[in-house]
């Protein structure tokens, strides 16, 4: 997993592109969103991930894969593909 995006964020905070990026990150997401998360993800806590829907102003669906880490598409490709296909058929939220 590359750390370059994190380096860029720190280096660019005062640059025009960093300021523009930070402004855009404060805007809500306005497109249908499928958020798939592994329960064993060492990089992003499940609790943090589960709250992401508050930043989406569009249909939003969140799924937790038990026993899966940071790469659910590699660790459980069948479950991942099933969720993706079901969402593509019907992106309406669960909320």
PDB file of N, CA and C in Angstrom:
ATOM      1  N   UNK A   1       0.849  -1.172   0.000  1.00  0.00           N
ATOM      2  CA  UNK A   1       0.000   0.000   0.000  1.00  0.00           C
ATOM      3  C   UNK A   1       0.904   1.248   0.000  1.00  0.00           C
ATOM      4  N   UNK A   2       0.692   2.107  -0.920  1.00  0.00           N
ATOM      5  CA  UNK A   2       1.537   3.290  -1.080  1.00  0.00           C
ATOM      6  C   UNK A   2       1.220   4.360  -0.034  1.00  0.00           C
ATOM      7  N   UNK A   3       2.256   5.024   0.434  1.00  0.00           N
ATOM      8  CA  UNK A   3       2.034   6.132   1.372  1.00  0.00           C
ATOM      9  C   UNK A   3       2.151   7.482   0.670  1.00  0.00           C
ATOM     10  N   UNK A   4       2.362   7.468  -0.631  1.00  0.00           N
ATOM     11  CA  UNK A   4       2.520   8.722  -1.370  1.00  0.00           C
ATOM     12  C   UNK A   4       1.324   9.667  -1.204  1.00  0.00           C
ATOM     13  N   UNK A   5       0.072   9.185  -1.214  1.00  0.00           N
ATOM     14  CA  UNK A   5      -1.042  10.124  -1.000  1.00  0.00           C
ATOM     15  C   UNK A   5      -0.940  10.871   0.333  1.00  0.00           C
ATOM     16  N   UNK A   6      -0.446  10.203   1.363  1.00  0.00           N
ATOM     17  CA  UNK A   6      -0.298  10.853   2.666  1.00  0.00           C
ATOM     18  C   UNK A   6       0.835  11.879   2.635  1.00  0.00           C
ATOM     19  N   UNK A   7       1.918  11.537   1.969  1.00  0.00           N
ATOM     20  CA  UNK A   7       3.015  12.498   1.810  1.00  0.00           C
ATOM     21  C   UNK A   7       2.525  13.731   1.060  1.00  0.00           C
ATOM     22  N   UNK A   8       1.767  13.497  -0.001  1.00  0.00           N
ATOM     23  CA  UNK A   8       1.252  14.605  -0.807  1.00  0.00           C
ATOM     24  C   UNK A   8       0.394  15.528   0.056  1.00  0.00           C
ATOM     25  N   UNK A   9      -0.473  14.945   0.888  1.00  0.00           N
ATOM     26  CA  UNK A   9      -1.350  15.771   1.726  1.00  0.00           C
ATOM     27  C   UNK A   9      -0.542  16.685   2.640  1.00  0.00           C
ATOM     28  N   UNK A  10       0.512  16.160   3.243  1.00  0.00           N
ATOM     29  CA  UNK A  10       1.330  16.969   4.153  1.00  0.00           C
ATOM     30  C   UNK A  10       2.099  18.036   3.380  1.00  0.00           C
ATOM     31  N   UNK A  11       2.735  17.636   2.288  1.00  0.00           N
ATOM     32  CA  UNK A  11       3.537  18.590   1.509  1.00  0.00           C
ATOM     33  C   UNK A  11       2.687  19.678   0.876  1.00  0.00           C
ATOM     34  N   UNK A  12       1.459  19.363   0.535  1.00  0.00           N
ATOM     35  CA  UNK A  12       0.639  20.284  -0.255  1.00  0.00           C
ATOM     36  C   UNK A  12      -0.321  21.129   0.560  1.00  0.00           C
ATOM     37  N   UNK A  13      -0.306  21.020   1.864  1.00  0.00           N
ATOM     38  CA  UNK A  13      -1.279  21.750   2.684  1.00  0.00           C
ATOM     39  C   UNK A  13      -1.291  23.245   2.393  1.00  0.00           C
ATOM     40  N   UNK A  14      -0.129  23.846   2.200  1.00  0.00           N
ATOM     41  CA  UNK A  14      -0.068  25.294   1.970  1.00  0.00           C
ATOM     42  C   UNK A  14      -0.043  25.655   0.489  1.00  0.00           C
ATOM     43  N   UNK A  15       0.112  24.683  -0.369  1.00  0.00           N
ATOM     44  CA  UNK A  15       0.131  24.947  -1.810  1.00  0.00           C
ATOM     45  C   UNK A  15      -1.291  25.129  -2.327  1.00  0.00           C
ATOM     46  N   UNK A  16      -1.451  25.827  -3.446  1.00  0.00           N
ATOM     47  CA  UNK A  16      -2.801  26.022  -3.999  1.00  0.00           C
ATOM     48  C   UNK A  16      -3.544  24.711  -4.261  1.00  0.00           C
ATOM     49  N   UNK A  17      -2.849  23.688  -4.767  1.00  0.00           N
ATOM     50  CA  UNK A  17      -3.546  22.431  -5.036  1.00  0.00           C
ATOM     51  C   UNK A  17      -3.982  21.751  -3.740  1.00  0.00           C
ATOM     52  N   UNK A  18      -3.208  21.912  -2.669  1.00  0.00           N
ATOM     53  CA  UNK A  18      -3.591  21.351  -1.382  1.00  0.00           C
ATOM     54  C   UNK A  18      -4.773  22.073  -0.767  1.00  0.00           C
ATOM     55  N   UNK A  19      -4.789  23.391  -0.887  1.00  0.00           N
ATOM     56  CA  UNK A  19      -5.914  24.186  -0.378  1.00  0.00           C
ATOM     57  C   UNK A  19      -7.188  23.805  -1.124  1.00  0.00           C
ATOM     58  N   UNK A  20      -7.087  23.683  -2.435  1.00  0.00           N
ATOM     59  CA  UNK A  20      -8.244  23.292  -3.248  1.00  0.00           C
ATOM     60  C   UNK A  20      -8.715  21.883  -2.871  1.00  0.00           C
ATOM     61  N   UNK A  21      -7.787  20.964  -2.667  1.00  0.00           N
ATOM     62  CA  UNK A  21      -8.124  19.599  -2.264  1.00  0.00           C
ATOM     63  C   UNK A  21      -8.875  19.603  -0.932  1.00  0.00           C
ATOM     64  N   UNK A  22      -8.361  20.346   0.049  1.00  0.00           N
ATOM     65  CA  UNK A  22      -9.010  20.400   1.363  1.00  0.00           C
ATOM     66  C   UNK A  22     -10.416  20.980   1.282  1.00  0.00           C
ATOM     67  N   UNK A  23     -10.620  21.984   0.445  1.00  0.00           N
ATOM     68  CA  UNK A  23     -11.968  22.539   0.255  1.00  0.00           C
ATOM     69  C   UNK A  23     -12.909  21.484  -0.318  1.00  0.00           C
ATOM     70  N   UNK A  24     -12.431  20.767  -1.308  1.00  0.00           N
ATOM     71  CA  UNK A  24     -13.267  19.744  -1.944  1.00  0.00           C
ATOM     72  C   UNK A  24     -13.587  18.598  -0.994  1.00  0.00           C
ATOM     73  N   UNK A  25     -12.667  18.264  -0.120  1.00  0.00           N
ATOM     74  CA  UNK A  25     -12.893  17.171   0.824  1.00  0.00           C
ATOM     75  C   UNK A  25     -13.964  17.521   1.854  1.00  0.00           C
ATOM     76  N   UNK A  26     -14.261  18.791   2.022  1.00  0.00           N
ATOM     77  CA  UNK A  26     -15.299  19.211   2.967  1.00  0.00           C
ATOM     78  C   UNK A  26     -16.694  19.130   2.361  1.00  0.00           C
ATOM     79  N   UNK A  27     -16.766  18.964   1.046  1.00  0.00           N
ATOM     80  CA  UNK A  27     -18.064  18.855   0.381  1.00  0.00           C
ATOM     81  C   UNK A  27     -18.602  17.430   0.521  1.00  0.00           C
ATOM     82  N   UNK A  28     -19.913  17.290   0.654  1.00  0.00           N
ATOM     83  CA  UNK A  28     -20.473  15.940   0.722  1.00  0.00           C
ATOM     84  C   UNK A  28     -20.394  15.240  -0.639  1.00  0.00           C
ATOM     85  N   UNK A  29     -20.356  13.928  -0.594  1.00  0.00           N
ATOM     86  CA  UNK A  29     -20.398  13.117  -1.812  1.00  0.00           C
ATOM     87  C   UNK A  29     -21.844  13.109  -2.290  1.00  0.00           C
ATOM     88  N   UNK A  30     -22.057  13.361  -3.570  1.00  0.00           N
ATOM     89  CA  UNK A  30     -23.425  13.465  -4.094  1.00  0.00           C
ATOM     90  C   UNK A  30     -23.710  12.453  -5.197  1.00  0.00           C
ATOM     91  N   UNK A  31     -23.042  11.324  -5.149  1.00  0.00           N
ATOM     92  CA  UNK A  31     -23.287  10.241  -6.104  1.00  0.00           C
ATOM     93  C   UNK A  31     -23.533   8.960  -5.313  1.00  0.00           C
ATOM     94  N   UNK A  32     -24.296   8.021  -5.869  1.00  0.00           N
ATOM     95  CA  UNK A  32     -24.512   6.754  -5.165  1.00  0.00           C
ATOM     96  C   UNK A  32     -23.176   6.118  -4.777  1.00  0.00           C
ATOM     97  N   UNK A  33     -23.124   5.604  -3.553  1.00  0.00           N
ATOM     98  CA  UNK A  33     -21.864   5.106  -3.009  1.00  0.00           C
ATOM     99  C   UNK A  33     -22.045   3.736  -2.363  1.00  0.00           C
ATOM    100  N   UNK A  34     -21.172   2.818  -2.731  1.00  0.00           N
ATOM    101  CA  UNK A  34     -21.087   1.511  -2.080  1.00  0.00           C
ATOM    102  C   UNK A  34     -19.784   1.498  -1.300  1.00  0.00           C
ATOM    103  N   UNK A  35     -19.865   1.246  -0.003  1.00  0.00           N
ATOM    104  CA  UNK A  35     -18.685   1.255   0.868  1.00  0.00           C
ATOM    105  C   UNK A  35     -18.529  -0.136   1.465  1.00  0.00           C
ATOM    106  N   UNK A  36     -17.496  -0.846   1.048  1.00  0.00           N
ATOM    107  CA  UNK A  36     -17.232  -2.197   1.531  1.00  0.00           C
ATOM    108  C   UNK A  36     -16.004  -2.162   2.428  1.00  0.00           C
ATOM    109  N   UNK A  37     -16.112  -2.777   3.605  1.00  0.00           N
ATOM    110  CA  UNK A  37     -15.039  -2.682   4.602  1.00  0.00           C
ATOM    111  C   UNK A  37     -14.772  -4.038   5.233  1.00  0.00           C
ATOM    112  N   UNK A  38     -13.496  -4.358   5.444  1.00  0.00           N
ATOM    113  CA  UNK A  38     -13.114  -5.595   6.117  1.00  0.00           C
ATOM    114  C   UNK A  38     -13.028  -5.402   7.622  1.00  0.00           C
ATOM    115  N   UNK A  39     -13.587  -6.334   8.369  1.00  0.00           N
ATOM    116  CA  UNK A  39     -13.599  -6.214   9.836  1.00  0.00           C
ATOM    117  C   UNK A  39     -12.198  -6.286  10.448  1.00  0.00           C
ATOM    118  N   UNK A  40     -11.241  -6.850   9.726  1.00  0.00           N
ATOM    119  CA  UNK A  40      -9.871  -6.974  10.235  1.00  0.00           C
ATOM    120  C   UNK A  40      -8.920  -5.959   9.607  1.00  0.00           C
ATOM    121  N   UNK A  41      -9.454  -4.915   9.030  1.00  0.00           N
ATOM    122  CA  UNK A  41      -8.627  -3.901   8.374  1.00  0.00           C
ATOM    123  C   UNK A  41      -7.730  -3.218   9.407  1.00  0.00           C
ATOM    124  N   UNK A  42      -6.390  -3.344   9.264  1.00  0.00           N
ATOM    125  CA  UNK A  42      -5.504  -2.721  10.236  1.00  0.00           C
ATOM    126  C   UNK A  42      -5.280  -1.227   9.983  1.00  0.00           C
ATOM    127  N   UNK A  43      -5.671  -0.739   8.817  1.00  0.00           N
ATOM    128  CA  UNK A  43      -5.411   0.659   8.453  1.00  0.00           C
ATOM    129  C   UNK A  43      -6.574   1.585   8.785  1.00  0.00           C
ATOM    130  N   UNK A  44      -7.797   1.098   8.656  1.00  0.00           N
ATOM    131  CA  UNK A  44      -8.988   1.925   8.888  1.00  0.00           C
ATOM    132  C   UNK A  44      -9.892   1.181   9.869  1.00  0.00           C
ATOM    133  N   UNK A  45     -10.164   1.801  10.987  1.00  0.00           N
ATOM    134  CA  UNK A  45     -11.012   1.166  11.999  1.00  0.00           C
ATOM    135  C   UNK A  45     -12.441   1.006  11.492  1.00  0.00           C
ATOM    136  N   UNK A  46     -13.058  -0.081  11.889  1.00  0.00           N
ATOM    137  CA  UNK A  46     -14.441  -0.342  11.485  1.00  0.00           C
ATOM    138  C   UNK A  46     -15.359   0.771  11.959  1.00  0.00           C
ATOM    139  N   UNK A  47     -15.162   1.245  13.174  1.00  0.00           N
ATOM    140  CA  UNK A  47     -16.015   2.309  13.719  1.00  0.00           C
ATOM    141  C   UNK A  47     -15.908   3.587  12.888  1.00  0.00           C
ATOM    142  N   UNK A  48     -14.707   3.928  12.455  1.00  0.00           N
ATOM    143  CA  UNK A  48     -14.516   5.110  11.604  1.00  0.00           C
ATOM    144  C   UNK A  48     -15.182   4.911  10.256  1.00  0.00           C
ATOM    145  N   UNK A  49     -14.999   3.743   9.704  1.00  0.00           N
ATOM    146  CA  UNK A  49     -15.563   3.435   8.395  1.00  0.00           C
ATOM    147  C   UNK A  49     -17.092   3.457   8.425  1.00  0.00           C
ATOM    148  N   UNK A  50     -17.657   2.913   9.486  1.00  0.00           N
ATOM    149  CA  UNK A  50     -19.118   2.823   9.583  1.00  0.00           C
ATOM    150  C   UNK A  50     -19.780   4.190   9.633  1.00  0.00           C
ATOM    151  N   UNK A  51     -19.066   5.216  10.060  1.00  0.00           N
ATOM    152  CA  UNK A  51     -19.641   6.554  10.134  1.00  0.00           C
ATOM    153  C   UNK A  51     -19.510   7.364   8.861  1.00  0.00           C
ATOM    154  N   UNK A  52     -18.934   6.789   7.834  1.00  0.00           N
ATOM    155  CA  UNK A  52     -18.679   7.532   6.598  1.00  0.00           C
ATOM    156  C   UNK A  52     -19.950   7.978   5.878  1.00  0.00           C
ATOM    157  N   UNK A  53     -21.036   7.286   6.099  1.00  0.00           N
ATOM    158  CA  UNK A  53     -22.279   7.618   5.421  1.00  0.00           C
ATOM    159  C   UNK A  53     -22.791   9.018   5.707  1.00  0.00           C
ATOM    160  N   UNK A  54     -22.375   9.599   6.819  1.00  0.00           N
ATOM    161  CA  UNK A  54     -22.841  10.951   7.139  1.00  0.00           C
ATOM    162  C   UNK A  54     -22.277  11.992   6.180  1.00  0.00           C
ATOM    163  N   UNK A  55     -21.275  11.622   5.396  1.00  0.00           N
ATOM    164  CA  UNK A  55     -20.678  12.547   4.428  1.00  0.00           C
ATOM    165  C   UNK A  55     -21.215  12.336   3.016  1.00  0.00           C
ATOM    166  N   UNK A  56     -22.236  11.503   2.885  1.00  0.00           N
ATOM    167  CA  UNK A  56     -22.796  11.184   1.569  1.00  0.00           C
ATOM    168  C   UNK A  56     -24.236  11.670   1.509  1.00  0.00           C
ATOM    169  N   UNK A  57     -24.540  12.498   0.510  1.00  0.00           N
ATOM    170  CA  UNK A  57     -25.909  12.990   0.299  1.00  0.00           C
ATOM    171  C   UNK A  57     -26.485  12.340  -0.949  1.00  0.00           C
ATOM    172  N   UNK A  58     -26.424  11.041  -0.982  1.00  0.00           N
ATOM    173  CA  UNK A  58     -26.914  10.245  -2.110  1.00  0.00           C
ATOM    174  C   UNK A  58     -27.159   8.841  -1.569  1.00  0.00           C
ATOM    175  N   UNK A  59     -27.741   7.964  -2.375  1.00  0.00           N
ATOM    176  CA  UNK A  59     -27.893   6.589  -1.897  1.00  0.00           C
ATOM    177  C   UNK A  59     -26.545   6.035  -1.419  1.00  0.00           C
ATOM    178  N   UNK A  60     -26.550   5.449  -0.235  1.00  0.00           N
ATOM    179  CA  UNK A  60     -25.317   4.971   0.393  1.00  0.00           C
ATOM    180  C   UNK A  60     -25.560   3.595   0.993  1.00  0.00           C
ATOM    181  N   UNK A  61     -24.672   2.688   0.684  1.00  0.00           N
ATOM    182  CA  UNK A  61     -24.759   1.350   1.266  1.00  0.00           C
ATOM    183  C   UNK A  61     -23.396   0.977   1.837  1.00  0.00           C
ATOM    184  N   UNK A  62     -23.391   0.502   3.089  1.00  0.00           N
ATOM    185  CA  UNK A  62     -22.163   0.092   3.779  1.00  0.00           C
ATOM    186  C   UNK A  62     -22.269  -1.375   4.138  1.00  0.00           C
ATOM    187  N   UNK A  63     -21.206  -2.125   3.843  1.00  0.00           N
ATOM    188  CA  UNK A  63     -21.181  -3.542   4.180  1.00  0.00           C
ATOM    189  C   UNK A  63     -19.865  -3.875   4.876  1.00  0.00           C
ATOM    190  N   UNK A  64     -19.959  -4.714   5.895  1.00  0.00           N
ATOM    191  CA  UNK A  64     -18.792  -5.174   6.629  1.00  0.00           C
ATOM    192  C   UNK A  64     -18.543  -6.635   6.281  1.00  0.00           C
ATOM    193  N   UNK A  65     -17.329  -6.942   5.856  1.00  0.00           N
ATOM    194  CA  UNK A  65     -16.929  -8.317   5.566  1.00  0.00           C
ATOM    195  C   UNK A  65     -16.198  -8.873   6.787  1.00  0.00           C
ATOM    196  N   UNK A  66     -16.795  -9.861   7.443  1.00  0.00           N
ATOM    197  CA  UNK A  66     -16.167 -10.482   8.613  1.00  0.00           C
ATOM    198  C   UNK A  66     -14.943 -11.292   8.201  1.00  0.00           C
ATOM    199  N   UNK A  67     -13.888 -11.186   8.995  1.00  0.00           N
ATOM    200  CA  UNK A  67     -12.688 -11.972   8.765  1.00  0.00           C
ATOM    201  C   UNK A  67     -11.845 -11.523   7.589  1.00  0.00           C
ATOM    202  N   UNK A  68     -12.095 -10.316   7.106  1.00  0.00           N
ATOM    203  CA  UNK A  68     -11.388  -9.790   5.938  1.00  0.00           C
ATOM    204  C   UNK A  68     -10.656  -8.518   6.356  1.00  0.00           C
ATOM    205  N   UNK A  69      -9.488  -8.277   5.755  1.00  0.00           N
ATOM    206  CA  UNK A  69      -8.689  -7.111   6.094  1.00  0.00           C
ATOM    207  C   UNK A  69      -8.900  -5.934   5.166  1.00  0.00           C
ATOM    208  N   UNK A  70      -7.806  -5.285   4.777  1.00  0.00           N
ATOM    209  CA  UNK A  70      -7.829  -4.036   4.012  1.00  0.00           C
ATOM    210  C   UNK A  70      -8.151  -4.223   2.530  1.00  0.00           C
ATOM    211  N   UNK A  71      -8.066  -5.443   2.034  1.00  0.00           N
ATOM    212  CA  UNK A  71      -8.277  -5.689   0.603  1.00  0.00           C
ATOM    213  C   UNK A  71      -9.385  -6.721   0.381  1.00  0.00           C
ATOM    214  N   UNK A  72     -10.636  -6.369   0.667  1.00  0.00           N
ATOM    215  CA  UNK A  72     -11.717  -7.357   0.560  1.00  0.00           C
ATOM    216  C   UNK A  72     -11.880  -7.928  -0.849  1.00  0.00           C
ATOM    217  N   UNK A  73     -11.557  -7.143  -1.857  1.00  0.00           N
ATOM    218  CA  UNK A  73     -11.681  -7.632  -3.230  1.00  0.00           C
ATOM    219  C   UNK A  73     -10.693  -8.758  -3.522  1.00  0.00           C
ATOM    220  N   UNK A  74      -9.581  -8.802  -2.795  1.00  0.00           N
ATOM    221  CA  UNK A  74      -8.604  -9.879  -2.958  1.00  0.00           C
ATOM    222  C   UNK A  74      -8.827 -11.010  -1.952  1.00  0.00           C
ATOM    223  N   UNK A  75      -9.246 -10.666  -0.752  1.00  0.00           N
ATOM    224  CA  UNK A  75      -9.363 -11.649   0.316  1.00  0.00           C
ATOM    225  C   UNK A  75     -10.657 -12.454   0.248  1.00  0.00           C
ATOM    226  N   UNK A  76     -11.713 -11.871  -0.280  1.00  0.00           N
ATOM    227  CA  UNK A  76     -12.984 -12.588  -0.450  1.00  0.00           C
ATOM    228  C   UNK A  76     -13.647 -12.102  -1.732  1.00  0.00           C
ATOM    229  N   UNK A  77     -13.076 -12.462  -2.888  1.00  0.00           N
ATOM    230  CA  UNK A  77     -13.576 -11.928  -4.154  1.00  0.00           C
ATOM    231  C   UNK A  77     -15.021 -12.313  -4.477  1.00  0.00           C
ATOM    232  N   UNK A  78     -15.466 -13.463  -4.013  1.00  0.00           N
ATOM    233  CA  UNK A  78     -16.851 -13.880  -4.289  1.00  0.00           C
ATOM    234  C   UNK A  78     -17.829 -12.967  -3.552  1.00  0.00           C
ATOM    235  N   UNK A  79     -17.618 -12.773  -2.257  1.00  0.00           N
ATOM    236  CA  UNK A  79     -18.512 -11.899  -1.481  1.00  0.00           C
ATOM    237  C   UNK A  79     -18.440 -10.469  -1.994  1.00  0.00           C
ATOM    238  N   UNK A  80     -17.236 -10.021  -2.316  1.00  0.00           N
ATOM    239  CA  UNK A  80     -17.061  -8.668  -2.837  1.00  0.00           C
ATOM    240  C   UNK A  80     -17.833  -8.488  -4.144  1.00  0.00           C
ATOM    241  N   UNK A  81     -17.658  -9.420  -5.073  1.00  0.00           N
ATOM    242  CA  UNK A  81     -18.340  -9.336  -6.374  1.00  0.00           C
ATOM    243  C   UNK A  81     -19.848  -9.406  -6.221  1.00  0.00           C
ATOM    244  N   UNK A  82     -20.307 -10.254  -5.310  1.00  0.00           N
ATOM    245  CA  UNK A  82     -21.752 -10.378  -5.076  1.00  0.00           C
ATOM    246  C   UNK A  82     -22.332  -9.055  -4.593  1.00  0.00           C
ATOM    247  N   UNK A  83     -21.677  -8.419  -3.624  1.00  0.00           N
ATOM    248  CA  UNK A  83     -22.154  -7.124  -3.122  1.00  0.00           C
ATOM    249  C   UNK A  83     -22.134  -6.067  -4.217  1.00  0.00           C
ATOM    250  N   UNK A  84     -21.069  -6.038  -4.989  1.00  0.00           N
ATOM    251  CA  UNK A  84     -20.954  -5.049  -6.058  1.00  0.00           C
ATOM    252  C   UNK A  84     -22.045  -5.238  -7.103  1.00  0.00           C
ATOM    253  N   UNK A  85     -22.264  -6.455  -7.533  1.00  0.00           N
ATOM    254  CA  UNK A  85     -23.290  -6.724  -8.550  1.00  0.00           C
ATOM    255  C   UNK A  85     -24.673  -6.384  -8.018  1.00  0.00           C
ATOM    256  N   UNK A  86     -24.964  -6.768  -6.782  1.00  0.00           N
ATOM    257  CA  UNK A  86     -26.271  -6.438  -6.194  1.00  0.00           C
ATOM    258  C   UNK A  86     -26.475  -4.932  -6.104  1.00  0.00           C
ATOM    259  N   UNK A  87     -25.425  -4.209  -5.746  1.00  0.00           N
ATOM    260  CA  UNK A  87     -25.527  -2.754  -5.654  1.00  0.00           C
ATOM    261  C   UNK A  87     -25.714  -2.129  -7.031  1.00  0.00           C
ATOM    262  N   UNK A  88     -25.024  -2.645  -8.030  1.00  0.00           N
ATOM    263  CA  UNK A  88     -25.187  -2.112  -9.386  1.00  0.00           C
ATOM    264  C   UNK A  88     -26.609  -2.329  -9.901  1.00  0.00           C
ATOM    265  N   UNK A  89     -27.238  -3.411  -9.478  1.00  0.00           N
ATOM    266  CA  UNK A  89     -28.629  -3.676  -9.862  1.00  0.00           C
ATOM    267  C   UNK A  89     -29.596  -2.746  -9.134  1.00  0.00           C
ATOM    268  N   UNK A  90     -29.270  -2.415  -7.884  1.00  0.00           N
ATOM    269  CA  UNK A  90     -30.156  -1.587  -7.058  1.00  0.00           C
ATOM    270  C   UNK A  90     -29.323  -0.793  -6.052  1.00  0.00           C
ATOM    271  N   UNK A  91     -28.917   0.443  -6.406  1.00  0.00           N
ATOM    272  CA  UNK A  91     -28.060   1.224  -5.515  1.00  0.00           C
ATOM    273  C   UNK A  91     -28.784   1.945  -4.382  1.00  0.00           C
ATOM    274  N   UNK A  92     -30.055   1.678  -4.207  1.00  0.00           N
ATOM    275  CA  UNK A  92     -30.774   2.372  -3.133  1.00  0.00           C
ATOM    276  C   UNK A  92     -30.172   2.013  -1.779  1.00  0.00           C
ATOM    277  N   UNK A  93     -30.200   2.956  -0.867  1.00  0.00           N
ATOM    278  CA  UNK A  93     -29.564   2.742   0.437  1.00  0.00           C
ATOM    279  C   UNK A  93     -30.356   1.801   1.329  1.00  0.00           C
ATOM    280  N   UNK A  94     -29.678   1.333   2.356  1.00  0.00           N
ATOM    281  CA  UNK A  94     -30.326   0.506   3.371  1.00  0.00           C
ATOM    282  C   UNK A  94     -30.944   1.354   4.467  1.00  0.00           C
ATOM    283  N   UNK A  95     -30.564   2.641   4.535  1.00  0.00           N
ATOM    284  CA  UNK A  95     -31.018   3.471   5.644  1.00  0.00           C
ATOM    285  C   UNK A  95     -32.437   3.916   5.492  1.00  0.00           C
TER     286      UNK A  95
END
